[in-house]
Amino acid sequence: MALLDLYDRTTARLRAAGDYTWPLVLRLIMFWEFWESGITKLRGSNWFADIPWADWQKGFPWPFNQISTELNWFLATWGELVLSIMILLGLFTRFAAISLVVITVVATAAVHWPAEWSSLGELWSGYLITAKGGGNYKLPLLFIVILLPLVFHGGGRISLDRALLKLTSRSDRSTDLLHDLTAAGLALLVFGLVTVFLEPAWGVPLLVAAAAALLLPAIRGQG
């Protein structure tokens, strides 16, 4: 029992330390990656007009293929710059993180995701850092995986979001957990946004399911 008690106290302390450390570490690395990308675009020339430059690439997904390359370049550049600063500060972290997820997914769909694939094995062959034919989506996928914890858990204790909670006397709300249909709907919405630009056949059903899960409680309430 003493050993189990030691284990429980140790893991409790690690969880407490984690509330401060892991969100900050993720925010710092994501800030640097997207800030560097945005600065490179700001100082460089617009190469979006060259997309797609290979036969295997899909190009910009809808609705981004309906707007000018200049506007796409502007949105990507300033989106990465502004949102990366928000991530660094931990300000509206969830909004910034999901917005960067969308930017990353659109970029992945445009230049990293193969236009055609016949099997999951063929699709998985694109999980590379160095492009070999269709693929090279390993790095953006890792960015998405890093951003998702910030979407679901926020910026952690060392963030402006936490300071805003204290200023509005809502610090106790940071530990609230609501396990309900709306929570499931929000999760489906996030994963729908992650996939809809890559493969609409995956993303659209998730978004439909998300809408149903989010609307059903309201419909039941009216009934």
C-alpha atoms as a PDB file:
ATOM      1  CA  MET A   1       0.000   0.000   0.000  1.00  0.00           C
ATOM      2  CA  ALA A   2       2.863   2.373   0.760  1.00  0.00           C
ATOM      3  CA  LEU A   3       4.239   1.815  -2.738  1.00  0.00           C
ATOM      4  CA  LEU A   4       0.846   2.503  -4.311  1.00  0.00           C
ATOM      5  CA  ASP A   5       0.468   5.626  -2.206  1.00  0.00           C
ATOM      6  CA  LEU A   6       3.902   6.817  -3.343  1.00  0.00           C
ATOM      7  CA  TYR A   7       2.916   6.178  -6.951  1.00  0.00           C
ATOM      8  CA  ASP A   8      -0.369   8.082  -6.557  1.00  0.00           C
ATOM      9  CA  ARG A   9       1.322  11.071  -4.900  1.00  0.00           C
ATOM     10  CA  THR A  10       4.055  11.123  -7.542  1.00  0.00           C
ATOM     11  CA  THR A  11       1.619  11.045 -10.446  1.00  0.00           C
ATOM     12  CA  ALA A  12      -0.509  13.725  -8.760  1.00  0.00           C
ATOM     13  CA  ARG A  13       2.528  15.992  -8.564  1.00  0.00           C
ATOM     14  CA  LEU A  14       3.450  15.243 -12.169  1.00  0.00           C
ATOM     15  CA  ARG A  15      -0.071  16.197 -13.255  1.00  0.00           C
ATOM     16  CA  ALA A  16       0.216  19.430 -11.280  1.00  0.00           C
ATOM     17  CA  ALA A  17       3.578  20.211 -12.879  1.00  0.00           C
ATOM     18  CA  GLY A  18       2.185  19.274 -16.268  1.00  0.00           C
ATOM     19  CA  ASP A  19      -0.511  21.931 -15.997  1.00  0.00           C
ATOM     20  CA  TYR A  20       2.309  24.469 -16.151  1.00  0.00           C
ATOM     21  CA  THR A  21       4.809  22.807 -18.462  1.00  0.00           C
ATOM     22  CA  TRP A  22       3.383  20.847 -21.380  1.00  0.00           C
ATOM     23  CA  PRO A  23       1.011  23.535 -22.731  1.00  0.00           C
ATOM     24  CA  LEU A  24       3.810  26.106 -22.533  1.00  0.00           C
ATOM     25  CA  VAL A  25       6.271  23.831 -24.344  1.00  0.00           C
ATOM     26  CA  LEU A  26       3.764  23.114 -27.112  1.00  0.00           C
ATOM     27  CA  ARG A  27       2.935  26.796 -27.428  1.00  0.00           C
ATOM     28  CA  LEU A  28       6.585  27.799 -27.688  1.00  0.00           C
ATOM     29  CA  ILE A  29       7.397  25.316 -30.445  1.00  0.00           C
ATOM     30  CA  MET A  30       4.239  26.143 -32.392  1.00  0.00           C
ATOM     31  CA  PHE A  31       4.892  29.864 -32.023  1.00  0.00           C
ATOM     32  CA  TRP A  32       8.348  29.502 -33.517  1.00  0.00           C
ATOM     33  CA  GLU A  33       7.284  27.251 -36.389  1.00  0.00           C
ATOM     34  CA  PHE A  34       4.393  29.433 -37.532  1.00  0.00           C
ATOM     35  CA  TRP A  35       6.141  32.739 -36.824  1.00  0.00           C
ATOM     36  CA  GLU A  36       9.104  31.611 -38.907  1.00  0.00           C
ATOM     37  CA  SER A  37       6.783  30.506 -41.701  1.00  0.00           C
ATOM     38  CA  GLY A  38       4.868  33.797 -41.616  1.00  0.00           C
ATOM     39  CA  ILE A  39       8.018  35.928 -41.585  1.00  0.00           C
ATOM     40  CA  THR A  40       9.408  33.951 -44.514  1.00  0.00           C
ATOM     41  CA  LYS A  41       6.237  34.658 -46.493  1.00  0.00           C
ATOM     42  CA  LEU A  42       6.224  38.325 -45.463  1.00  0.00           C
ATOM     43  CA  ARG A  43       9.790  38.812 -46.681  1.00  0.00           C
ATOM     44  CA  GLY A  44       9.444  36.600 -49.742  1.00  0.00           C
ATOM     45  CA  SER A  45       7.450  36.528 -52.944  1.00  0.00           C
ATOM     46  CA  ASN A  46       4.074  34.924 -53.509  1.00  0.00           C
ATOM     47  CA  TRP A  47       4.551  31.399 -54.859  1.00  0.00           C
ATOM     48  CA  PHE A  48       0.939  30.298 -54.368  1.00  0.00           C
ATOM     49  CA  ALA A  49       0.250  30.913 -58.063  1.00  0.00           C
ATOM     50  CA  ASP A  50       2.528  27.952 -58.838  1.00  0.00           C
ATOM     51  CA  ILE A  51       0.279  25.520 -56.920  1.00  0.00           C
ATOM     52  CA  PRO A  52      -0.073  22.767 -57.991  1.00  0.00           C
ATOM     53  CA  TRP A  53       3.396  22.395 -59.483  1.00  0.00           C
ATOM     54  CA  ALA A  54       3.307  18.589 -59.707  1.00  0.00           C
ATOM     55  CA  ASP A  55       0.808  16.184 -61.251  1.00  0.00           C
ATOM     56  CA  TRP A  56       0.191  14.381 -57.953  1.00  0.00           C
ATOM     57  CA  GLN A  57      -0.799  17.527 -56.034  1.00  0.00           C
ATOM     58  CA  LYS A  58      -4.423  18.522 -55.435  1.00  0.00           C
ATOM     59  CA  GLY A  59      -4.013  22.279 -55.239  1.00  0.00           C
ATOM     60  CA  PHE A  60      -6.046  24.509 -52.952  1.00  0.00           C
ATOM     61  CA  PRO A  61      -9.271  22.924 -51.692  1.00  0.00           C
ATOM     62  CA  TRP A  62     -12.653  24.634 -51.821  1.00  0.00           C
ATOM     63  CA  PRO A  63     -13.359  27.442 -50.944  1.00  0.00           C
ATOM     64  CA  PHE A  64      -9.752  28.624 -51.093  1.00  0.00           C
ATOM     65  CA  ASN A  65      -9.536  27.685 -54.772  1.00  0.00           C
ATOM     66  CA  GLN A  66     -12.252  30.269 -55.406  1.00  0.00           C
ATOM     67  CA  ILE A  67     -10.269  33.264 -54.160  1.00  0.00           C
ATOM     68  CA  SER A  68      -7.194  34.939 -55.576  1.00  0.00           C
ATOM     69  CA  THR A  69      -3.691  33.739 -54.814  1.00  0.00           C
ATOM     70  CA  GLU A  70      -2.943  37.220 -53.463  1.00  0.00           C
ATOM     71  CA  LEU A  71      -5.713  36.932 -50.875  1.00  0.00           C
ATOM     72  CA  ASN A  72      -4.672  33.387 -49.984  1.00  0.00           C
ATOM     73  CA  TRP A  73      -1.100  34.607 -49.518  1.00  0.00           C
ATOM     74  CA  PHE A  74      -2.264  37.511 -47.345  1.00  0.00           C
ATOM     75  CA  LEU A  75      -4.452  35.260 -45.185  1.00  0.00           C
ATOM     76  CA  ALA A  76      -1.720  32.656 -44.754  1.00  0.00           C
ATOM     77  CA  THR A  77       0.996  35.204 -43.995  1.00  0.00           C
ATOM     78  CA  TRP A  78      -0.853  37.323 -41.474  1.00  0.00           C
ATOM     79  CA  GLY A  79      -2.756  34.373 -40.089  1.00  0.00           C
ATOM     80  CA  GLU A  80       0.508  32.660 -39.204  1.00  0.00           C
ATOM     81  CA  LEU A  81       2.011  35.841 -37.743  1.00  0.00           C
ATOM     82  CA  VAL A  82      -0.952  36.970 -35.645  1.00  0.00           C
ATOM     83  CA  LEU A  83      -2.067  33.523 -34.522  1.00  0.00           C
ATOM     84  CA  SER A  84       1.476  32.493 -33.585  1.00  0.00           C
ATOM     85  CA  ILE A  85       1.719  35.509 -31.266  1.00  0.00           C
ATOM     86  CA  MET A  86      -1.611  34.555 -29.708  1.00  0.00           C
ATOM     87  CA  ILE A  87      -0.282  31.029 -29.179  1.00  0.00           C
ATOM     88  CA  LEU A  88       2.892  32.397 -27.593  1.00  0.00           C
ATOM     89  CA  LEU A  89       0.925  34.562 -25.166  1.00  0.00           C
ATOM     90  CA  GLY A  90      -1.717  31.940 -24.530  1.00  0.00           C
ATOM     91  CA  LEU A  91      -4.399  34.424 -25.574  1.00  0.00           C
ATOM     92  CA  PHE A  92      -7.607  32.843 -26.883  1.00  0.00           C
ATOM     93  CA  THR A  93      -5.472  29.744 -27.262  1.00  0.00           C
ATOM     94  CA  ARG A  94      -8.188  27.404 -28.471  1.00  0.00           C
ATOM     95  CA  PHE A  95      -9.272  29.785 -31.233  1.00  0.00           C
ATOM     96  CA  ALA A  96      -5.671  30.370 -32.313  1.00  0.00           C
ATOM     97  CA  ALA A  97      -4.872  26.660 -32.274  1.00  0.00           C
ATOM     98  CA  ILE A  98      -7.896  25.556 -34.323  1.00  0.00           C
ATOM     99  CA  SER A  99      -7.241  28.396 -36.784  1.00  0.00           C
ATOM    100  CA  LEU A 100      -3.654  27.206 -37.221  1.00  0.00           C
ATOM    101  CA  VAL A 101      -4.967  23.671 -37.667  1.00  0.00           C
ATOM    102  CA  VAL A 102      -7.120  24.910 -40.555  1.00  0.00           C
ATOM    103  CA  ILE A 103      -4.179  26.788 -42.103  1.00  0.00           C
ATOM    104  CA  THR A 104      -2.038  23.668 -41.794  1.00  0.00           C
ATOM    105  CA  VAL A 105      -4.681  21.358 -43.228  1.00  0.00           C
ATOM    106  CA  VAL A 106      -5.310  23.656 -46.199  1.00  0.00           C
ATOM    107  CA  ALA A 107      -1.566  23.807 -46.882  1.00  0.00           C
ATOM    108  CA  THR A 108      -1.359  20.027 -46.582  1.00  0.00           C
ATOM    109  CA  ALA A 109      -4.233  19.554 -49.001  1.00  0.00           C
ATOM    110  CA  ALA A 110      -2.723  22.017 -51.470  1.00  0.00           C
ATOM    111  CA  VAL A 111       0.832  20.713 -51.754  1.00  0.00           C
ATOM    112  CA  HIS A 112       1.344  17.615 -49.586  1.00  0.00           C
ATOM    113  CA  TRP A 113      -1.739  15.425 -49.961  1.00  0.00           C
ATOM    114  CA  PRO A 114      -1.885  13.187 -53.048  1.00  0.00           C
ATOM    115  CA  ALA A 115      -4.647  13.958 -55.515  1.00  0.00           C
ATOM    116  CA  GLU A 116      -5.247  10.250 -56.054  1.00  0.00           C
ATOM    117  CA  TRP A 117      -4.517   7.155 -54.005  1.00  0.00           C
ATOM    118  CA  SER A 118      -5.848   3.632 -54.274  1.00  0.00           C
ATOM    119  CA  SER A 119      -5.113   2.168 -50.844  1.00  0.00           C
ATOM    120  CA  LEU A 120      -4.281   3.228 -47.316  1.00  0.00           C
ATOM    121  CA  GLY A 121      -0.853   1.719 -47.826  1.00  0.00           C
ATOM    122  CA  GLU A 122      -0.254   3.968 -50.808  1.00  0.00           C
ATOM    123  CA  LEU A 123      -1.538   6.974 -48.879  1.00  0.00           C
ATOM    124  CA  TRP A 124       0.692   6.148 -45.909  1.00  0.00           C
ATOM    125  CA  SER A 125       3.726   6.101 -48.197  1.00  0.00           C
ATOM    126  CA  GLY A 126       3.432   9.894 -48.217  1.00  0.00           C
ATOM    127  CA  TYR A 127       4.149  10.056 -44.484  1.00  0.00           C
ATOM    128  CA  LEU A 128       7.626  11.432 -45.144  1.00  0.00           C
ATOM    129  CA  ILE A 129       9.735  14.481 -44.447  1.00  0.00           C
ATOM    130  CA  THR A 130      11.332  14.308 -47.891  1.00  0.00           C
ATOM    131  CA  ALA A 131       8.893  14.200 -50.802  1.00  0.00           C
ATOM    132  CA  LYS A 132       8.940  11.066 -52.919  1.00  0.00           C
ATOM    133  CA  GLY A 133       6.096  11.369 -55.362  1.00  0.00           C
ATOM    134  CA  GLY A 134       2.736  12.052 -53.757  1.00  0.00           C
ATOM    135  CA  GLY A 135       2.990  12.859 -50.098  1.00  0.00           C
ATOM    136  CA  ASN A 136       5.453  14.515 -47.750  1.00  0.00           C
ATOM    137  CA  TYR A 137       2.741  15.317 -45.204  1.00  0.00           C
ATOM    138  CA  LYS A 138       4.563  13.997 -42.128  1.00  0.00           C
ATOM    139  CA  LEU A 139       5.613  17.396 -40.765  1.00  0.00           C
ATOM    140  CA  PRO A 140       2.227  19.147 -41.126  1.00  0.00           C
ATOM    141  CA  LEU A 141       0.520  16.113 -39.606  1.00  0.00           C
ATOM    142  CA  LEU A 142       2.832  16.367 -36.604  1.00  0.00           C
ATOM    143  CA  PHE A 143       1.970  20.072 -36.311  1.00  0.00           C
ATOM    144  CA  ILE A 144      -1.724  19.183 -36.213  1.00  0.00           C
ATOM    145  CA  VAL A 145      -1.104  16.545 -33.546  1.00  0.00           C
ATOM    146  CA  ILE A 146       0.760  19.147 -31.458  1.00  0.00           C
ATOM    147  CA  LEU A 147      -1.988  21.745 -31.889  1.00  0.00           C
ATOM    148  CA  LEU A 148      -4.896  19.469 -30.982  1.00  0.00           C
ATOM    149  CA  PRO A 149      -4.076  19.315 -27.231  1.00  0.00           C
ATOM    150  CA  LEU A 150      -4.126  23.124 -27.208  1.00  0.00           C
ATOM    151  CA  VAL A 151      -7.536  23.064 -28.897  1.00  0.00           C
ATOM    152  CA  PHE A 152      -8.998  20.703 -26.313  1.00  0.00           C
ATOM    153  CA  HIS A 153      -7.117  21.736 -23.162  1.00  0.00           C
ATOM    154  CA  GLY A 154      -6.194  25.362 -23.765  1.00  0.00           C
ATOM    155  CA  GLY A 155      -3.004  27.238 -22.979  1.00  0.00           C
ATOM    156  CA  GLY A 156      -2.404  25.964 -19.462  1.00  0.00           C
ATOM    157  CA  ARG A 157      -1.691  27.868 -16.281  1.00  0.00           C
ATOM    158  CA  ILE A 158       1.045  30.085 -17.732  1.00  0.00           C
ATOM    159  CA  SER A 159      -1.148  31.923 -20.208  1.00  0.00           C
ATOM    160  CA  LEU A 160      -3.162  35.094 -20.634  1.00  0.00           C
ATOM    161  CA  ASP A 161      -6.263  32.929 -20.862  1.00  0.00           C
ATOM    162  CA  ARG A 162      -5.718  31.833 -17.264  1.00  0.00           C
ATOM    163  CA  ALA A 163      -5.096  35.446 -16.232  1.00  0.00           C
ATOM    164  CA  LEU A 164      -8.393  36.457 -17.843  1.00  0.00           C
ATOM    165  CA  LEU A 165     -10.173  33.749 -15.866  1.00  0.00           C
ATOM    166  CA  LYS A 166      -8.743  35.183 -12.664  1.00  0.00           C
ATOM    167  CA  LEU A 167      -9.645  38.743 -13.641  1.00  0.00           C
ATOM    168  CA  THR A 168     -13.241  37.690 -14.241  1.00  0.00           C
ATOM    169  CA  SER A 169     -13.392  35.617 -11.027  1.00  0.00           C
ATOM    170  CA  ARG A 170     -13.867  32.380 -12.970  1.00  0.00           C
ATOM    171  CA  SER A 171     -10.722  30.464 -11.998  1.00  0.00           C
ATOM    172  CA  ASP A 172     -12.808  27.584 -10.684  1.00  0.00           C
ATOM    173  CA  ARG A 173     -14.289  27.047 -14.159  1.00  0.00           C
ATOM    174  CA  SER A 174     -10.917  25.925 -15.545  1.00  0.00           C
ATOM    175  CA  THR A 175     -11.432  22.459 -14.066  1.00  0.00           C
ATOM    176  CA  ASP A 176     -15.043  22.010 -15.213  1.00  0.00           C
ATOM    177  CA  LEU A 177     -15.701  18.861 -17.233  1.00  0.00           C
ATOM    178  CA  LEU A 178     -18.986  18.354 -19.063  1.00  0.00           C
ATOM    179  CA  HIS A 179     -19.326  14.853 -20.488  1.00  0.00           C
ATOM    180  CA  ASP A 180     -22.368  15.301 -22.700  1.00  0.00           C
ATOM    181  CA  LEU A 181     -23.549  15.150 -26.299  1.00  0.00           C
ATOM    182  CA  THR A 182     -22.422  18.711 -26.943  1.00  0.00           C
ATOM    183  CA  ALA A 183     -18.886  17.760 -25.931  1.00  0.00           C
ATOM    184  CA  ALA A 184     -18.994  14.902 -28.430  1.00  0.00           C
ATOM    185  CA  GLY A 185     -20.281  17.308 -31.067  1.00  0.00           C
ATOM    186  CA  LEU A 186     -17.408  19.707 -30.471  1.00  0.00           C
ATOM    187  CA  ALA A 187     -14.891  16.874 -30.810  1.00  0.00           C
ATOM    188  CA  LEU A 188     -16.522  15.750 -34.058  1.00  0.00           C
ATOM    189  CA  LEU A 189     -16.438  19.342 -35.302  1.00  0.00           C
ATOM    190  CA  VAL A 190     -12.704  19.611 -34.637  1.00  0.00           C
ATOM    191  CA  PHE A 191     -11.904  16.357 -36.415  1.00  0.00           C
ATOM    192  CA  GLY A 192     -14.271  17.291 -39.222  1.00  0.00           C
ATOM    193  CA  LEU A 193     -12.301  20.493 -39.778  1.00  0.00           C
ATOM    194  CA  VAL A 194      -9.078  18.488 -39.711  1.00  0.00           C
ATOM    195  CA  THR A 195     -10.230  16.124 -42.454  1.00  0.00           C
ATOM    196  CA  VAL A 196     -12.747  17.933 -44.661  1.00  0.00           C
ATOM    197  CA  PHE A 197     -10.136  19.826 -46.680  1.00  0.00           C
ATOM    198  CA  LEU A 198      -8.040  16.696 -47.183  1.00  0.00           C
ATOM    199  CA  GLU A 199     -10.763  14.194 -47.968  1.00  0.00           C
ATOM    200  CA  PRO A 200     -14.321  15.575 -48.058  1.00  0.00           C
ATOM    201  CA  ALA A 201     -15.621  11.998 -47.959  1.00  0.00           C
ATOM    202  CA  TRP A 202     -14.150  11.766 -44.451  1.00  0.00           C
ATOM    203  CA  GLY A 203     -14.789  15.275 -43.224  1.00  0.00           C
ATOM    204  CA  VAL A 204     -18.358  15.888 -44.367  1.00  0.00           C
ATOM    205  CA  PRO A 205     -19.857  12.942 -42.410  1.00  0.00           C
ATOM    206  CA  LEU A 206     -17.963  14.102 -39.324  1.00  0.00           C
ATOM    207  CA  LEU A 207     -19.310  17.633 -39.726  1.00  0.00           C
ATOM    208  CA  VAL A 208     -22.846  16.325 -40.243  1.00  0.00           C
ATOM    209  CA  ALA A 209     -22.522  14.184 -37.126  1.00  0.00           C
ATOM    210  CA  ALA A 210     -21.132  17.203 -35.265  1.00  0.00           C
ATOM    211  CA  ALA A 211     -24.090  19.342 -36.313  1.00  0.00           C
ATOM    212  CA  ALA A 212     -26.518  16.647 -35.182  1.00  0.00           C
ATOM    213  CA  ALA A 213     -24.798  16.258 -31.819  1.00  0.00           C
ATOM    214  CA  LEU A 214     -24.707  20.013 -31.260  1.00  0.00           C
ATOM    215  CA  LEU A 215     -28.285  20.674 -32.347  1.00  0.00           C
ATOM    216  CA  LEU A 216     -30.005  17.695 -30.749  1.00  0.00           C
ATOM    217  CA  PRO A 217     -29.832  19.007 -27.151  1.00  0.00           C
ATOM    218  CA  ALA A 218     -31.392  22.298 -28.272  1.00  0.00           C
ATOM    219  CA  ILE A 219     -34.129  20.457 -30.187  1.00  0.00           C
ATOM    220  CA  ARG A 220     -34.858  18.282 -27.177  1.00  0.00           C
ATOM    221  CA  GLY A 221     -35.001  21.363 -24.992  1.00  0.00           C
ATOM    222  CA  GLN A 222     -37.571  22.981 -27.265  1.00  0.00           C
ATOM    223  CA  GLY A 223     -39.616  19.811 -27.266  1.00  0.00           C
END
